Amino acid sequence: GDMDKFQSVLLTREILEGITLNDLRLMRLEFYARHGKKFTTAGFAQAFEWRDWYKPLKNQKKVKE
């Protein structure tokens, strides 16, 4: 939920060191979530649904991937 802080920052090895594979997956999915992707997998949906910035688009065809 903090990827807005890294919009213009190069993600270096040092920054990513120690991050789990699951956390890396959530980081990647956050980019999609911020563009309106609606997640149907419960764990992913729960990871984002409480964020104030998460606004899934009704028309999922408009989500840019």
N, C-alpha and C. Protein backbone atom coordinates (compact mmCIF):
# COMPACT_ATOMS: atom_id res chain seq x y z
N GLY A 1 0.78 -1.19 0.00
CA GLY A 1 0.00 0.00 0.00
C GLY A 1 0.83 1.27 0.00
N ASP A 2 2.14 1.12 -0.09
CA ASP A 2 3.02 2.29 -0.04
C ASP A 2 3.71 2.58 -1.36
N MET A 3 3.24 1.98 -2.43
CA MET A 3 3.94 2.15 -3.71
C MET A 3 3.86 3.58 -4.22
N ASP A 4 2.95 4.40 -3.69
CA ASP A 4 2.91 5.80 -4.12
C ASP A 4 4.21 6.51 -3.76
N LYS A 5 4.91 6.03 -2.75
CA LYS A 5 6.19 6.62 -2.35
C LYS A 5 7.32 6.26 -3.30
N PHE A 6 7.08 5.26 -4.15
CA PHE A 6 8.12 4.77 -5.04
C PHE A 6 7.82 5.04 -6.51
N GLN A 7 6.90 5.94 -6.81
CA GLN A 7 6.52 6.22 -8.19
C GLN A 7 7.69 6.69 -9.04
N SER A 8 8.59 7.45 -8.46
CA SER A 8 9.73 7.96 -9.23
C SER A 8 11.06 7.55 -8.62
N VAL A 9 11.06 6.40 -7.94
CA VAL A 9 12.27 5.91 -7.31
C VAL A 9 12.66 4.59 -7.96
N LEU A 10 13.92 4.47 -8.29
CA LEU A 10 14.42 3.22 -8.84
C LEU A 10 14.45 2.18 -7.73
N LEU A 11 13.78 1.05 -7.95
CA LEU A 11 13.78 -0.01 -6.96
C LEU A 11 15.07 -0.81 -7.10
N THR A 12 15.98 -0.56 -6.19
CA THR A 12 17.29 -1.21 -6.24
C THR A 12 17.28 -2.51 -5.45
N ARG A 13 18.32 -3.27 -5.62
CA ARG A 13 18.49 -4.51 -4.89
C ARG A 13 18.47 -4.25 -3.38
N GLU A 14 19.09 -3.16 -2.97
CA GLU A 14 19.15 -2.84 -1.54
C GLU A 14 17.75 -2.56 -0.98
N ILE A 15 16.93 -1.87 -1.73
CA ILE A 15 15.57 -1.58 -1.28
C ILE A 15 14.75 -2.86 -1.18
N LEU A 16 14.93 -3.76 -2.13
CA LEU A 16 14.13 -4.98 -2.20
C LEU A 16 14.69 -6.12 -1.36
N GLU A 17 15.87 -5.95 -0.82
CA GLU A 17 16.51 -7.01 -0.04
C GLU A 17 15.66 -7.37 1.18
N GLY A 18 15.45 -8.64 1.37
CA GLY A 18 14.70 -9.12 2.52
C GLY A 18 13.19 -9.16 2.33
N ILE A 19 12.71 -8.73 1.18
CA ILE A 19 11.27 -8.75 0.92
C ILE A 19 10.88 -10.15 0.44
N THR A 20 9.81 -10.67 1.00
CA THR A 20 9.38 -12.02 0.65
C THR A 20 8.77 -12.07 -0.74
N LEU A 21 8.67 -13.26 -1.27
CA LEU A 21 8.06 -13.45 -2.58
C LEU A 21 6.60 -13.01 -2.55
N ASN A 22 5.91 -13.27 -1.46
CA ASN A 22 4.52 -12.83 -1.34
C ASN A 22 4.43 -11.31 -1.33
N ASP A 23 5.33 -10.64 -0.62
CA ASP A 23 5.33 -9.17 -0.60
C ASP A 23 5.64 -8.60 -1.98
N LEU A 24 6.55 -9.24 -2.71
CA LEU A 24 6.84 -8.79 -4.07
C LEU A 24 5.61 -8.92 -4.96
N ARG A 25 4.87 -10.00 -4.78
CA ARG A 25 3.64 -10.20 -5.55
C ARG A 25 2.63 -9.10 -5.22
N LEU A 26 2.47 -8.78 -3.95
CA LEU A 26 1.54 -7.72 -3.55
C LEU A 26 1.99 -6.37 -4.09
N MET A 27 3.29 -6.12 -4.12
CA MET A 27 3.80 -4.87 -4.67
C MET A 27 3.42 -4.75 -6.14
N ARG A 28 3.59 -5.85 -6.87
CA ARG A 28 3.25 -5.85 -8.30
C ARG A 28 1.75 -5.65 -8.49
N LEU A 29 0.95 -6.35 -7.70
CA LEU A 29 -0.50 -6.24 -7.83
C LEU A 29 -1.01 -4.86 -7.42
N GLU A 30 -0.27 -4.17 -6.56
CA GLU A 30 -0.70 -2.83 -6.17
C GLU A 30 -0.73 -1.88 -7.36
N PHE A 31 0.18 -2.05 -8.28
CA PHE A 31 0.16 -1.21 -9.48
C PHE A 31 -1.15 -1.40 -10.23
N TYR A 32 -1.60 -2.65 -10.35
CA TYR A 32 -2.88 -2.93 -11.01
C TYR A 32 -4.04 -2.39 -10.18
N ALA A 33 -3.97 -2.56 -8.87
CA ALA A 33 -5.03 -2.08 -7.98
C ALA A 33 -5.19 -0.57 -8.10
N ARG A 34 -4.08 0.14 -8.20
CA ARG A 34 -4.12 1.60 -8.30
C ARG A 34 -4.70 2.06 -9.64
N HIS A 35 -4.77 1.14 -10.61
CA HIS A 35 -5.37 1.47 -11.90
C HIS A 35 -6.78 0.91 -12.03
N GLY A 36 -7.36 0.42 -10.91
CA GLY A 36 -8.75 0.02 -10.93
C GLY A 36 -9.03 -1.46 -11.07
N LYS A 37 -8.01 -2.29 -11.01
CA LYS A 37 -8.24 -3.74 -11.14
C LYS A 37 -9.02 -4.26 -9.95
N LYS A 38 -10.03 -5.06 -10.23
CA LYS A 38 -10.82 -5.71 -9.18
C LYS A 38 -10.30 -7.12 -9.02
N PHE A 39 -9.97 -7.49 -7.80
CA PHE A 39 -9.43 -8.82 -7.54
C PHE A 39 -10.53 -9.74 -7.03
N THR A 40 -10.58 -10.94 -7.56
CA THR A 40 -11.58 -11.92 -7.13
C THR A 40 -10.99 -12.92 -6.14
N THR A 41 -9.69 -13.04 -6.09
CA THR A 41 -9.05 -13.90 -5.11
C THR A 41 -9.14 -13.22 -3.75
N ALA A 42 -9.72 -13.91 -2.78
CA ALA A 42 -10.01 -13.30 -1.48
C ALA A 42 -8.79 -12.63 -0.84
N GLY A 43 -7.67 -13.29 -0.82
CA GLY A 43 -6.48 -12.71 -0.19
C GLY A 43 -6.03 -11.42 -0.83
N PHE A 44 -6.08 -11.37 -2.14
CA PHE A 44 -5.67 -10.15 -2.85
C PHE A 44 -6.71 -9.06 -2.67
N ALA A 45 -7.98 -9.42 -2.73
CA ALA A 45 -9.04 -8.43 -2.54
C ALA A 45 -8.93 -7.82 -1.15
N GLN A 46 -8.71 -8.64 -0.14
CA GLN A 46 -8.60 -8.14 1.24
C GLN A 46 -7.38 -7.26 1.43
N ALA A 47 -6.34 -7.52 0.68
CA ALA A 47 -5.11 -6.73 0.82
C ALA A 47 -5.33 -5.28 0.41
N PHE A 48 -6.28 -5.04 -0.48
CA PHE A 48 -6.46 -3.70 -1.00
C PHE A 48 -7.79 -3.04 -0.61
N GLU A 49 -8.81 -3.82 -0.28
CA GLU A 49 -10.14 -3.24 -0.09
C GLU A 49 -10.22 -2.21 1.02
N TRP A 50 -9.35 -2.25 1.99
CA TRP A 50 -9.41 -1.28 3.09
C TRP A 50 -8.59 -0.02 2.81
N ARG A 51 -7.89 0.01 1.68
CA ARG A 51 -7.11 1.20 1.32
C ARG A 51 -8.05 2.29 0.78
N ASP A 52 -7.87 3.51 1.22
CA ASP A 52 -8.76 4.58 0.77
C ASP A 52 -8.59 4.90 -0.71
N TRP A 53 -7.44 4.58 -1.29
CA TRP A 53 -7.21 4.87 -2.70
C TRP A 53 -7.75 3.78 -3.62
N TYR A 54 -8.13 2.63 -3.07
CA TYR A 54 -8.56 1.51 -3.91
C TYR A 54 -9.99 1.71 -4.39
N LYS A 55 -10.13 1.93 -5.67
CA LYS A 55 -11.43 2.14 -6.30
C LYS A 55 -11.51 1.27 -7.57
N PRO A 56 -11.95 0.01 -7.43
CA PRO A 56 -12.04 -0.85 -8.61
C PRO A 56 -13.01 -0.28 -9.64
N LEU A 57 -12.62 -0.33 -10.88
CA LEU A 57 -13.48 0.15 -11.96
C LEU A 57 -14.60 -0.86 -12.21
N LYS A 58 -15.79 -0.36 -12.48
CA LYS A 58 -16.91 -1.25 -12.80
C LYS A 58 -16.65 -1.95 -14.12
N ASN A 59 -16.11 -1.22 -15.08
CA ASN A 59 -15.78 -1.79 -16.38
C ASN A 59 -14.31 -2.22 -16.37
N GLN A 60 -14.07 -3.47 -16.09
CA GLN A 60 -12.70 -3.97 -15.98
C GLN A 60 -11.94 -3.96 -17.30
N LYS A 61 -12.64 -3.77 -18.40
CA LYS A 61 -11.97 -3.68 -19.70
C LYS A 61 -11.16 -2.38 -19.80
N LYS A 62 -11.49 -1.40 -18.96
CA LYS A 62 -10.77 -0.13 -18.98
C LYS A 62 -9.48 -0.15 -18.16
N VAL A 63 -9.24 -1.23 -17.43
CA VAL A 63 -8.02 -1.33 -16.63
C VAL A 63 -6.84 -1.54 -17.56
N LYS A 64 -5.86 -0.65 -17.43
CA LYS A 64 -4.66 -0.77 -18.26
C LYS A 64 -3.69 -1.73 -17.61
N GLU A 65 -3.22 -2.69 -18.40
CA GLU A 65 -2.27 -3.66 -17.88
C GLU A 65 -0.93 -3.49 -18.53
